[in-house]
Amino acid sequence: MEKYGLNQRFTETSADAALTLDAMAGVIHPGSYEDRLENLTSVIKAYEKRITFLDSQLDFVEAVLVRVSSYHSDL
């Protein structure tokens, strides 16, 4: 559930960053846009890091379940 929510927020934040970048195109002094884009980039990186961590946790749990299942069938 957490990974699903993170993926949703990741997608929304990425779209927001793309729109912000487009808005910067015609602006002479894009300072506020640059700050917003920097913040969005940090948020996107944090989402990526957490999703990667959750993937590794899921892989670990799946491996444990396989081992437990094979142990049980050996009895």
PDB file of N, CA and C in Angstrom:
ATOM      1  N   MET A   1       0.831  -1.187   0.000  1.00  0.00           N
ATOM      2  CA  MET A   1       0.000   0.000   0.000  1.00  0.00           C
ATOM      3  C   MET A   1       0.883   1.260   0.000  1.00  0.00           C
ATOM      4  N   GLU A   2       1.938   1.216   0.824  1.00  0.00           N
ATOM      5  CA  GLU A   2       2.826   2.383   0.889  1.00  0.00           C
ATOM      6  C   GLU A   2       3.477   2.634  -0.467  1.00  0.00           C
ATOM      7  N   LYS A   3       3.944   1.572  -1.098  1.00  0.00           N
ATOM      8  CA  LYS A   3       4.608   1.723  -2.391  1.00  0.00           C
ATOM      9  C   LYS A   3       3.637   2.273  -3.434  1.00  0.00           C
ATOM     10  N   TYR A   4       2.412   1.809  -3.414  1.00  0.00           N
ATOM     11  CA  TYR A   4       1.402   2.311  -4.345  1.00  0.00           C
ATOM     12  C   TYR A   4       1.213   3.816  -4.155  1.00  0.00           C
ATOM     13  N   GLY A   5       1.066   4.247  -2.907  1.00  0.00           N
ATOM     14  CA  GLY A   5       0.897   5.665  -2.614  1.00  0.00           C
ATOM     15  C   GLY A   5       2.103   6.486  -3.027  1.00  0.00           C
ATOM     16  N   LEU A   6       3.291   5.954  -2.775  1.00  0.00           N
ATOM     17  CA  LEU A   6       4.511   6.652  -3.175  1.00  0.00           C
ATOM     18  C   LEU A   6       4.599   6.785  -4.687  1.00  0.00           C
ATOM     19  N   ASN A   7       4.252   5.727  -5.390  1.00  0.00           N
ATOM     20  CA  ASN A   7       4.272   5.783  -6.858  1.00  0.00           C
ATOM     21  C   ASN A   7       3.291   6.827  -7.377  1.00  0.00           C
ATOM     22  N   GLN A   8       2.118   6.924  -6.746  1.00  0.00           N
ATOM     23  CA  GLN A   8       1.138   7.940  -7.137  1.00  0.00           C
ATOM     24  C   GLN A   8       1.704   9.339  -6.930  1.00  0.00           C
ATOM     25  N   ARG A   9       2.268   9.585  -5.736  1.00  0.00           N
ATOM     26  CA  ARG A   9       2.827  10.899  -5.429  1.00  0.00           C
ATOM     27  C   ARG A   9       4.038  11.201  -6.307  1.00  0.00           C
ATOM     28  N   PHE A  10       4.842  10.175  -6.597  1.00  0.00           N
ATOM     29  CA  PHE A  10       5.994  10.337  -7.477  1.00  0.00           C
ATOM     30  C   PHE A  10       5.529  10.827  -8.852  1.00  0.00           C
ATOM     31  N   THR A  11       4.513  10.190  -9.394  1.00  0.00           N
ATOM     32  CA  THR A  11       3.987  10.558 -10.706  1.00  0.00           C
ATOM     33  C   THR A  11       3.446  11.986 -10.695  1.00  0.00           C
ATOM     34  N   GLU A  12       2.682  12.326  -9.669  1.00  0.00           N
ATOM     35  CA  GLU A  12       2.112  13.673  -9.570  1.00  0.00           C
ATOM     36  C   GLU A  12       3.213  14.727  -9.418  1.00  0.00           C
ATOM     37  N   THR A  13       4.205  14.441  -8.595  1.00  0.00           N
ATOM     38  CA  THR A  13       5.297  15.390  -8.373  1.00  0.00           C
ATOM     39  C   THR A  13       6.139  15.558  -9.628  1.00  0.00           C
ATOM     40  N   SER A  14       6.358  14.471 -10.350  1.00  0.00           N
ATOM     41  CA  SER A  14       7.110  14.547 -11.607  1.00  0.00           C
ATOM     42  C   SER A  14       6.372  15.407 -12.632  1.00  0.00           C
ATOM     43  N   ALA A  15       5.059  15.250 -12.697  1.00  0.00           N
ATOM     44  CA  ALA A  15       4.260  16.072 -13.618  1.00  0.00           C
ATOM     45  C   ALA A  15       4.321  17.541 -13.201  1.00  0.00           C
ATOM     46  N   ASP A  16       4.260  17.788 -11.897  1.00  0.00           N
ATOM     47  CA  ASP A  16       4.356  19.160 -11.386  1.00  0.00           C
ATOM     48  C   ASP A  16       5.708  19.767 -11.742  1.00  0.00           C
ATOM     49  N   ALA A  17       6.766  18.983 -11.625  1.00  0.00           N
ATOM     50  CA  ALA A  17       8.109  19.462 -11.970  1.00  0.00           C
ATOM     51  C   ALA A  17       8.201  19.785 -13.458  1.00  0.00           C
ATOM     52  N   ALA A  18       7.602  18.951 -14.290  1.00  0.00           N
ATOM     53  CA  ALA A  18       7.621  19.195 -15.733  1.00  0.00           C
ATOM     54  C   ALA A  18       6.868  20.481 -16.073  1.00  0.00           C
ATOM     55  N   LEU A  19       5.730  20.702 -15.436  1.00  0.00           N
ATOM     56  CA  LEU A  19       4.968  21.923 -15.678  1.00  0.00           C
ATOM     57  C   LEU A  19       5.732  23.153 -15.192  1.00  0.00           C
ATOM     58  N   THR A  20       6.408  23.022 -14.064  1.00  0.00           N
ATOM     59  CA  THR A  20       7.214  24.120 -13.537  1.00  0.00           C
ATOM     60  C   THR A  20       8.348  24.452 -14.496  1.00  0.00           C
ATOM     61  N   LEU A  21       8.989  23.421 -15.029  1.00  0.00           N
ATOM     62  CA  LEU A  21      10.072  23.627 -15.988  1.00  0.00           C
ATOM     63  C   LEU A  21       9.553  24.330 -17.245  1.00  0.00           C
ATOM     64  N   ASP A  22       8.392  23.925 -17.717  1.00  0.00           N
ATOM     65  CA  ASP A  22       7.788  24.587 -18.880  1.00  0.00           C
ATOM     66  C   ASP A  22       7.484  26.049 -18.582  1.00  0.00           C
ATOM     67  N   ALA A  23       6.993  26.320 -17.382  1.00  0.00           N
ATOM     68  CA  ALA A  23       6.649  27.693 -17.004  1.00  0.00           C
ATOM     69  C   ALA A  23       7.889  28.581 -16.938  1.00  0.00           C
ATOM     70  N   MET A  24       9.031  27.990 -16.621  1.00  0.00           N
ATOM     71  CA  MET A  24      10.283  28.743 -16.520  1.00  0.00           C
ATOM     72  C   MET A  24      10.789  29.221 -17.880  1.00  0.00           C
ATOM     73  N   ALA A  25      10.359  28.557 -18.938  1.00  0.00           N
ATOM     74  CA  ALA A  25      10.916  28.800 -20.273  1.00  0.00           C
ATOM     75  C   ALA A  25      10.874  30.257 -20.707  1.00  0.00           C
ATOM     76  N   GLY A  26       9.778  30.939 -20.471  1.00  0.00           N
ATOM     77  CA  GLY A  26       9.671  32.296 -20.974  1.00  0.00           C
ATOM     78  C   GLY A  26       9.899  33.378 -19.928  1.00  0.00           C
ATOM     79  N   VAL A  27      10.386  33.013 -18.760  1.00  0.00           N
ATOM     80  CA  VAL A  27      10.538  33.963 -17.659  1.00  0.00           C
ATOM     81  C   VAL A  27      11.963  34.508 -17.622  1.00  0.00           C
ATOM     82  N   ILE A  28      12.078  35.828 -17.477  1.00  0.00           N
ATOM     83  CA  ILE A  28      13.396  36.467 -17.440  1.00  0.00           C
ATOM     84  C   ILE A  28      14.109  36.200 -16.115  1.00  0.00           C
ATOM     85  N   HIS A  29      13.378  36.283 -14.992  1.00  0.00           N
ATOM     86  CA  HIS A  29      13.951  36.038 -13.663  1.00  0.00           C
ATOM     87  C   HIS A  29      13.212  34.863 -13.019  1.00  0.00           C
ATOM     88  N   PRO A  30      13.666  33.646 -13.295  1.00  0.00           N
ATOM     89  CA  PRO A  30      12.925  32.464 -12.844  1.00  0.00           C
ATOM     90  C   PRO A  30      13.231  32.039 -11.401  1.00  0.00           C
ATOM     91  N   GLY A  31      13.634  32.960 -10.544  1.00  0.00           N
ATOM     92  CA  GLY A  31      14.050  32.617  -9.186  1.00  0.00           C
ATOM     93  C   GLY A  31      13.065  31.768  -8.408  1.00  0.00           C
ATOM     94  N   SER A  32      11.803  32.178  -8.353  1.00  0.00           N
ATOM     95  CA  SER A  32      10.819  31.416  -7.582  1.00  0.00           C
ATOM     96  C   SER A  32      10.564  30.049  -8.213  1.00  0.00           C
ATOM     97  N   TYR A  33      10.606  30.005  -9.542  1.00  0.00           N
ATOM     98  CA  TYR A  33      10.449  28.722 -10.222  1.00  0.00           C
ATOM     99  C   TYR A  33      11.632  27.799  -9.919  1.00  0.00           C
ATOM    100  N   GLU A  34      12.825  28.368  -9.885  1.00  0.00           N
ATOM    101  CA  GLU A  34      14.014  27.566  -9.594  1.00  0.00           C
ATOM    102  C   GLU A  34      13.933  26.968  -8.194  1.00  0.00           C
ATOM    103  N   ASP A  35      13.473  27.766  -7.232  1.00  0.00           N
ATOM    104  CA  ASP A  35      13.318  27.256  -5.866  1.00  0.00           C
ATOM    105  C   ASP A  35      12.309  26.116  -5.828  1.00  0.00           C
ATOM    106  N   ARG A  36      11.195  26.308  -6.515  1.00  0.00           N
ATOM    107  CA  ARG A  36      10.153  25.269  -6.548  1.00  0.00           C
ATOM    108  C   ARG A  36      10.680  24.008  -7.226  1.00  0.00           C
ATOM    109  N   LEU A  37      11.385  24.168  -8.331  1.00  0.00           N
ATOM    110  CA  LEU A  37      11.930  23.021  -9.055  1.00  0.00           C
ATOM    111  C   LEU A  37      12.959  22.282  -8.207  1.00  0.00           C
ATOM    112  N   GLU A  38      13.783  23.015  -7.480  1.00  0.00           N
ATOM    113  CA  GLU A  38      14.764  22.394  -6.587  1.00  0.00           C
ATOM    114  C   GLU A  38      14.063  21.584  -5.497  1.00  0.00           C
ATOM    115  N   ASN A  39      12.997  22.137  -4.934  1.00  0.00           N
ATOM    116  CA  ASN A  39      12.236  21.426  -3.908  1.00  0.00           C
ATOM    117  C   ASN A  39      11.588  20.167  -4.476  1.00  0.00           C
ATOM    118  N   LEU A  40      10.978  20.286  -5.641  1.00  0.00           N
ATOM    119  CA  LEU A  40      10.342  19.127  -6.274  1.00  0.00           C
ATOM    120  C   LEU A  40      11.372  18.041  -6.586  1.00  0.00           C
ATOM    121  N   THR A  41      12.558  18.440  -7.021  1.00  0.00           N
ATOM    122  CA  THR A  41      13.624  17.475  -7.310  1.00  0.00           C
ATOM    123  C   THR A  41      14.016  16.713  -6.048  1.00  0.00           C
ATOM    124  N   SER A  42      14.128  17.415  -4.935  1.00  0.00           N
ATOM    125  CA  SER A  42      14.456  16.766  -3.663  1.00  0.00           C
ATOM    126  C   SER A  42      13.382  15.772  -3.255  1.00  0.00           C
ATOM    127  N   VAL A  43      12.134  16.160  -3.439  1.00  0.00           N
ATOM    128  CA  VAL A  43      11.015  15.281  -3.090  1.00  0.00           C
ATOM    129  C   VAL A  43      11.021  14.037  -3.977  1.00  0.00           C
ATOM    130  N   ILE A  44      11.253  14.215  -5.267  1.00  0.00           N
ATOM    131  CA  ILE A  44      11.291  13.089  -6.203  1.00  0.00           C
ATOM    132  C   ILE A  44      12.412  12.123  -5.816  1.00  0.00           C
ATOM    133  N   LYS A  45      13.578  12.649  -5.479  1.00  0.00           N
ATOM    134  CA  LYS A  45      14.699  11.789  -5.071  1.00  0.00           C
ATOM    135  C   LYS A  45      14.360  11.011  -3.806  1.00  0.00           C
ATOM    136  N   ALA A  46      13.676  11.647  -2.873  1.00  0.00           N
ATOM    137  CA  ALA A  46      13.281  10.958  -1.634  1.00  0.00           C
ATOM    138  C   ALA A  46      12.283   9.841  -1.933  1.00  0.00           C
ATOM    139  N   TYR A  47      11.335  10.107  -2.834  1.00  0.00           N
ATOM    140  CA  TYR A  47      10.391   9.060  -3.233  1.00  0.00           C
ATOM    141  C   TYR A  47      11.123   7.889  -3.871  1.00  0.00           C
ATOM    142  N   GLU A  48      12.058   8.181  -4.772  1.00  0.00           N
ATOM    143  CA  GLU A  48      12.826   7.114  -5.435  1.00  0.00           C
ATOM    144  C   GLU A  48      13.587   6.277  -4.422  1.00  0.00           C
ATOM    145  N   LYS A  49      14.204   6.935  -3.457  1.00  0.00           N
ATOM    146  CA  LYS A  49      14.982   6.225  -2.443  1.00  0.00           C
ATOM    147  C   LYS A  49      14.082   5.311  -1.610  1.00  0.00           C
ATOM    148  N   ARG A  50      12.923   5.813  -1.205  1.00  0.00           N
ATOM    149  CA  ARG A  50      12.007   5.010  -0.390  1.00  0.00           C
ATOM    150  C   ARG A  50      11.433   3.858  -1.195  1.00  0.00           C
ATOM    151  N   ILE A  51      11.085   4.085  -2.444  1.00  0.00           N
ATOM    152  CA  ILE A  51      10.550   3.014  -3.290  1.00  0.00           C
ATOM    153  C   ILE A  51      11.594   1.925  -3.478  1.00  0.00           C
ATOM    154  N   THR A  52      12.841   2.301  -3.696  1.00  0.00           N
ATOM    155  CA  THR A  52      13.920   1.318  -3.834  1.00  0.00           C
ATOM    156  C   THR A  52      14.074   0.507  -2.555  1.00  0.00           C
ATOM    157  N   PHE A  53      14.012   1.179  -1.410  1.00  0.00           N
ATOM    158  CA  PHE A  53      14.107   0.479  -0.129  1.00  0.00           C
ATOM    159  C   PHE A  53      12.939  -0.492   0.049  1.00  0.00           C
ATOM    160  N   LEU A  54      11.739  -0.056  -0.273  1.00  0.00           N
ATOM    161  CA  LEU A  54      10.576  -0.941  -0.153  1.00  0.00           C
ATOM    162  C   LEU A  54      10.697  -2.147  -1.082  1.00  0.00           C
ATOM    163  N   ASP A  55      11.223  -1.927  -2.286  1.00  0.00           N
ATOM    164  CA  ASP A  55      11.439  -3.049  -3.202  1.00  0.00           C
ATOM    165  C   ASP A  55      12.398  -4.064  -2.605  1.00  0.00           C
ATOM    166  N   SER A  56      13.463  -3.593  -1.976  1.00  0.00           N
ATOM    167  CA  SER A  56      14.418  -4.530  -1.368  1.00  0.00           C
ATOM    168  C   SER A  56      13.782  -5.259  -0.188  1.00  0.00           C
ATOM    169  N   GLN A  57      12.939  -4.582   0.571  1.00  0.00           N
ATOM    170  CA  GLN A  57      12.238  -5.243   1.673  1.00  0.00           C
ATOM    171  C   GLN A  57      11.285  -6.316   1.137  1.00  0.00           C
ATOM    172  N   LEU A  58      10.570  -5.996   0.076  1.00  0.00           N
ATOM    173  CA  LEU A  58       9.650  -6.969  -0.520  1.00  0.00           C
ATOM    174  C   LEU A  58      10.408  -8.192  -1.035  1.00  0.00           C
ATOM    175  N   ASP A  59      11.549  -7.963  -1.678  1.00  0.00           N
ATOM    176  CA  ASP A  59      12.371  -9.084  -2.153  1.00  0.00           C
ATOM    177  C   ASP A  59      12.826  -9.957  -0.990  1.00  0.00           C
ATOM    178  N   PHE A  60      13.244  -9.327   0.094  1.00  0.00           N
ATOM    179  CA  PHE A  60      13.694 -10.071   1.270  1.00  0.00           C
ATOM    180  C   PHE A  60      12.558 -10.905   1.850  1.00  0.00           C
ATOM    181  N   VAL A  61      11.402 -10.312   2.022  1.00  0.00           N
ATOM    182  CA  VAL A  61      10.256 -11.027   2.607  1.00  0.00           C
ATOM    183  C   VAL A  61       9.835 -12.179   1.698  1.00  0.00           C
ATOM    184  N   GLU A  62       9.823 -11.947   0.398  1.00  0.00           N
ATOM    185  CA  GLU A  62       9.475 -13.025  -0.530  1.00  0.00           C
ATOM    186  C   GLU A  62      10.468 -14.178  -0.433  1.00  0.00           C
ATOM    187  N   ALA A  63      11.755 -13.874  -0.306  1.00  0.00           N
ATOM    188  CA  ALA A  63      12.770 -14.921  -0.168  1.00  0.00           C
ATOM    189  C   ALA A  63      12.574 -15.692   1.138  1.00  0.00           C
ATOM    190  N   VAL A  64      12.257 -15.010   2.204  1.00  0.00           N
ATOM    191  CA  VAL A  64      12.008 -15.674   3.488  1.00  0.00           C
ATOM    192  C   VAL A  64      10.790 -16.586   3.375  1.00  0.00           C
ATOM    193  N   LEU A  65       9.742 -16.109   2.739  1.00  0.00           N
ATOM    194  CA  LEU A  65       8.540 -16.927   2.574  1.00  0.00           C
ATOM    195  C   LEU A  65       8.819 -18.186   1.753  1.00  0.00           C
ATOM    196  N   VAL A  66       9.634 -18.067   0.728  1.00  0.00           N
ATOM    197  CA  VAL A  66       9.999 -19.227  -0.079  1.00  0.00           C
ATOM    198  C   VAL A  66      10.768 -20.235   0.770  1.00  0.00           C
ATOM    199  N   ARG A  67      11.713 -19.735   1.567  1.00  0.00           N
ATOM    200  CA  ARG A  67      12.498 -20.641   2.426  1.00  0.00           C
ATOM    201  C   ARG A  67      11.620 -21.304   3.468  1.00  0.00           C
ATOM    202  N   VAL A  68      10.726 -20.547   4.078  1.00  0.00           N
ATOM    203  CA  VAL A  68       9.832 -21.118   5.086  1.00  0.00           C
ATOM    204  C   VAL A  68       8.926 -22.162   4.443  1.00  0.00           C
ATOM    205  N   SER A  69       8.425 -21.858   3.267  1.00  0.00           N
ATOM    206  CA  SER A  69       7.557 -22.793   2.560  1.00  0.00           C
ATOM    207  C   SER A  69       8.304 -24.075   2.214  1.00  0.00           C
ATOM    208  N   SER A  70       9.536 -23.950   1.739  1.00  0.00           N
ATOM    209  CA  SER A  70      10.297 -25.150   1.386  1.00  0.00           C
ATOM    210  C   SER A  70      10.676 -25.944   2.640  1.00  0.00           C
ATOM    211  N   TYR A  71      10.936 -25.279   3.727  1.00  0.00           N
ATOM    212  CA  TYR A  71      11.232 -25.947   4.992  1.00  0.00           C
ATOM    213  C   TYR A  71      10.011 -26.733   5.453  1.00  0.00           C
ATOM    214  N   HIS A  72       8.858 -26.114   5.359  1.00  0.00           N
ATOM    215  CA  HIS A  72       7.619 -26.761   5.794  1.00  0.00           C
ATOM    216  C   HIS A  72       7.323 -27.977   4.946  1.00  0.00           C
ATOM    217  N   SER A  73       7.561 -27.895   3.632  1.00  0.00           N
ATOM    218  CA  SER A  73       7.275 -29.032   2.752  1.00  0.00           C
ATOM    219  C   SER A  73       8.269 -30.173   2.948  1.00  0.00           C
ATOM    220  N   ASP A  74       9.457 -29.865   3.491  1.00  0.00           N
ATOM    221  CA  ASP A  74      10.440 -30.914   3.756  1.00  0.00           C
ATOM    222  C   ASP A  74      10.092 -31.741   4.989  1.00  0.00           C
ATOM    223  N   LEU A  75       9.226 -31.230   5.817  1.00  0.00           N
ATOM    224  CA  LEU A  75       8.848 -31.970   7.040  1.00  0.00           C
ATOM    225  C   LEU A  75       7.943 -33.073   6.677  1.00  0.00           C
TER     226      LEU A  75
END
